[in-house]
Amino acid sequence: MKSDIRVCSAWREVHDRPVYTLSETCPECNSATENSAPAPFDPNDPYGEYRRALKRRNR
């Protein structure tokens, strides 16, 4: 599920704080925005299989 809240992609270089918005562009600097929520998991995680097996075992 994709988050609707977006953050300015250039906020570290342009702004002194993160700028959050719902639009595709930053309202202050007109640069592109990106999804503010991190991915819930990394599909290339080499230890993901072991963590999931441990989680199943502890239930």
N, C-alpha and C. Protein backbone atom coordinates (compact mmCIF):
# COMPACT_ATOMS: atom_id res chain seq x y z
N MET A 1 0.83 -1.17 0.00
CA MET A 1 0.00 0.00 0.00
C MET A 1 0.88 1.24 0.00
N LYS A 2 0.56 2.15 -0.85
CA LYS A 2 1.36 3.36 -0.99
C LYS A 2 0.78 4.47 -0.13
N SER A 3 1.64 5.20 0.53
CA SER A 3 1.20 6.30 1.38
C SER A 3 0.83 7.50 0.52
N ASP A 4 -0.19 8.23 0.95
CA ASP A 4 -0.59 9.44 0.23
C ASP A 4 0.25 10.64 0.62
N ILE A 5 0.89 10.59 1.77
CA ILE A 5 1.71 11.70 2.22
C ILE A 5 3.08 11.60 1.56
N ARG A 6 3.49 12.69 0.94
CA ARG A 6 4.75 12.71 0.21
C ARG A 6 5.66 13.77 0.82
N VAL A 7 6.98 13.61 0.60
CA VAL A 7 7.97 14.55 1.13
C VAL A 7 8.83 15.04 -0.03
N CYS A 8 9.28 16.28 0.07
CA CYS A 8 10.14 16.86 -0.97
C CYS A 8 11.41 16.04 -1.10
N SER A 9 11.76 15.67 -2.31
CA SER A 9 12.94 14.82 -2.52
C SER A 9 14.25 15.57 -2.30
N ALA A 10 14.22 16.88 -2.36
CA ALA A 10 15.43 17.68 -2.19
C ALA A 10 15.42 18.45 -0.88
N TRP A 11 14.72 17.98 0.12
CA TRP A 11 14.59 18.78 1.35
C TRP A 11 15.90 18.91 2.10
N ARG A 12 16.80 17.95 2.00
CA ARG A 12 18.09 18.05 2.72
C ARG A 12 18.97 19.15 2.14
N GLU A 13 18.88 19.39 0.85
CA GLU A 13 19.71 20.40 0.22
C GLU A 13 19.03 21.77 0.21
N VAL A 14 17.71 21.82 0.12
CA VAL A 14 17.01 23.08 -0.09
C VAL A 14 16.37 23.62 1.19
N HIS A 15 15.75 22.75 1.98
CA HIS A 15 14.99 23.18 3.16
C HIS A 15 15.74 22.84 4.45
N ASP A 16 15.36 23.50 5.53
CA ASP A 16 15.97 23.19 6.82
C ASP A 16 15.19 22.13 7.58
N ARG A 17 14.04 21.72 7.04
CA ARG A 17 13.22 20.66 7.64
C ARG A 17 12.48 19.94 6.51
N PRO A 18 11.97 18.75 6.75
CA PRO A 18 11.20 18.06 5.71
C PRO A 18 9.91 18.82 5.39
N VAL A 19 9.56 18.86 4.12
CA VAL A 19 8.33 19.51 3.68
C VAL A 19 7.41 18.41 3.18
N TYR A 20 6.29 18.21 3.89
CA TYR A 20 5.32 17.18 3.54
C TYR A 20 4.17 17.79 2.76
N THR A 21 3.65 17.02 1.79
CA THR A 21 2.56 17.49 0.96
C THR A 21 1.79 16.29 0.41
N LEU A 22 0.66 16.55 -0.20
CA LEU A 22 -0.11 15.50 -0.87
C LEU A 22 0.06 15.56 -2.38
N SER A 23 0.71 16.60 -2.89
CA SER A 23 0.85 16.78 -4.34
C SER A 23 2.13 16.12 -4.85
N GLU A 24 2.27 16.11 -6.16
CA GLU A 24 3.43 15.50 -6.82
C GLU A 24 4.66 16.41 -6.81
N THR A 25 4.47 17.70 -6.51
CA THR A 25 5.59 18.63 -6.46
C THR A 25 5.59 19.36 -5.12
N CYS A 26 6.76 19.80 -4.72
CA CYS A 26 6.91 20.53 -3.45
C CYS A 26 6.28 21.91 -3.60
N PRO A 27 5.46 22.33 -2.65
CA PRO A 27 4.83 23.65 -2.76
C PRO A 27 5.81 24.81 -2.57
N GLU A 28 6.96 24.57 -1.96
CA GLU A 28 7.91 25.66 -1.70
C GLU A 28 8.98 25.80 -2.78
N CYS A 29 9.46 24.68 -3.32
CA CYS A 29 10.56 24.77 -4.29
C CYS A 29 10.25 24.14 -5.65
N ASN A 30 9.09 23.56 -5.82
CA ASN A 30 8.63 22.95 -7.08
C ASN A 30 9.45 21.74 -7.51
N SER A 31 10.22 21.13 -6.63
CA SER A 31 10.92 19.90 -7.00
C SER A 31 9.97 18.72 -6.81
N ALA A 32 10.34 17.58 -7.33
CA ALA A 32 9.51 16.39 -7.25
C ALA A 32 9.42 15.90 -5.81
N THR A 33 8.34 15.20 -5.50
CA THR A 33 8.18 14.62 -4.17
C THR A 33 8.27 13.11 -4.27
N GLU A 34 8.53 12.48 -3.13
CA GLU A 34 8.62 11.02 -3.09
C GLU A 34 7.81 10.51 -1.92
N ASN A 35 7.53 9.23 -1.94
CA ASN A 35 6.76 8.60 -0.90
C ASN A 35 7.48 8.76 0.43
N SER A 36 6.77 9.19 1.47
CA SER A 36 7.41 9.46 2.75
C SER A 36 7.55 8.20 3.61
N ALA A 37 6.78 7.17 3.33
CA ALA A 37 6.83 5.95 4.14
C ALA A 37 7.92 5.02 3.61
N PRO A 38 8.73 4.46 4.48
CA PRO A 38 9.73 3.50 4.01
C PRO A 38 9.08 2.20 3.59
N ALA A 39 9.77 1.44 2.79
CA ALA A 39 9.25 0.14 2.37
C ALA A 39 9.12 -0.77 3.59
N PRO A 40 8.07 -1.59 3.66
CA PRO A 40 7.89 -2.44 4.83
C PRO A 40 8.92 -3.56 4.91
N PHE A 41 9.52 -3.92 3.79
CA PHE A 41 10.54 -4.96 3.77
C PHE A 41 11.38 -4.81 2.52
N ASP A 42 12.54 -5.39 2.53
CA ASP A 42 13.43 -5.37 1.37
C ASP A 42 13.36 -6.73 0.69
N PRO A 43 12.90 -6.82 -0.55
CA PRO A 43 12.80 -8.11 -1.21
C PRO A 43 14.16 -8.79 -1.42
N ASN A 44 15.24 -8.02 -1.38
CA ASN A 44 16.57 -8.60 -1.57
C ASN A 44 17.27 -8.89 -0.26
N ASP A 45 16.53 -8.91 0.85
CA ASP A 45 17.10 -9.16 2.17
C ASP A 45 17.63 -10.59 2.24
N PRO A 46 18.94 -10.78 2.44
CA PRO A 46 19.49 -12.13 2.45
C PRO A 46 19.09 -12.94 3.69
N TYR A 47 18.67 -12.28 4.77
CA TYR A 47 18.32 -13.00 6.00
C TYR A 47 16.81 -13.04 6.24
N GLY A 48 16.01 -12.58 5.29
CA GLY A 48 14.57 -12.54 5.45
C GLY A 48 13.97 -13.92 5.69
N GLU A 49 14.46 -14.90 4.99
CA GLU A 49 13.95 -16.27 5.15
C GLU A 49 14.16 -16.76 6.59
N TYR A 50 15.30 -16.47 7.17
CA TYR A 50 15.61 -16.92 8.53
C TYR A 50 14.76 -16.16 9.57
N ARG A 51 14.55 -14.86 9.36
CA ARG A 51 13.73 -14.10 10.30
C ARG A 51 12.28 -14.57 10.27
N ARG A 52 11.77 -14.87 9.06
CA ARG A 52 10.39 -15.35 8.98
C ARG A 52 10.26 -16.73 9.62
N ALA A 53 11.24 -17.60 9.45
CA ALA A 53 11.19 -18.92 10.08
C ALA A 53 11.25 -18.80 11.59
N LEU A 54 12.05 -17.89 12.11
CA LEU A 54 12.14 -17.68 13.55
C LEU A 54 10.82 -17.12 14.10
N LYS A 55 10.19 -16.25 13.35
CA LYS A 55 8.92 -15.68 13.76
C LYS A 55 7.84 -16.78 13.82
N ARG A 56 7.83 -17.66 12.83
CA ARG A 56 6.86 -18.77 12.83
C ARG A 56 7.11 -19.70 14.00
N ARG A 57 8.36 -19.92 14.33
CA ARG A 57 8.72 -20.85 15.41
C ARG A 57 8.33 -20.29 16.78
N ASN A 58 8.37 -18.97 16.95
CA ASN A 58 8.08 -18.35 18.24
C ASN A 58 6.58 -18.16 18.49
N ARG A 59 5.74 -18.46 17.55
CA ARG A 59 4.29 -18.27 17.74
C ARG A 59 3.70 -19.32 18.59
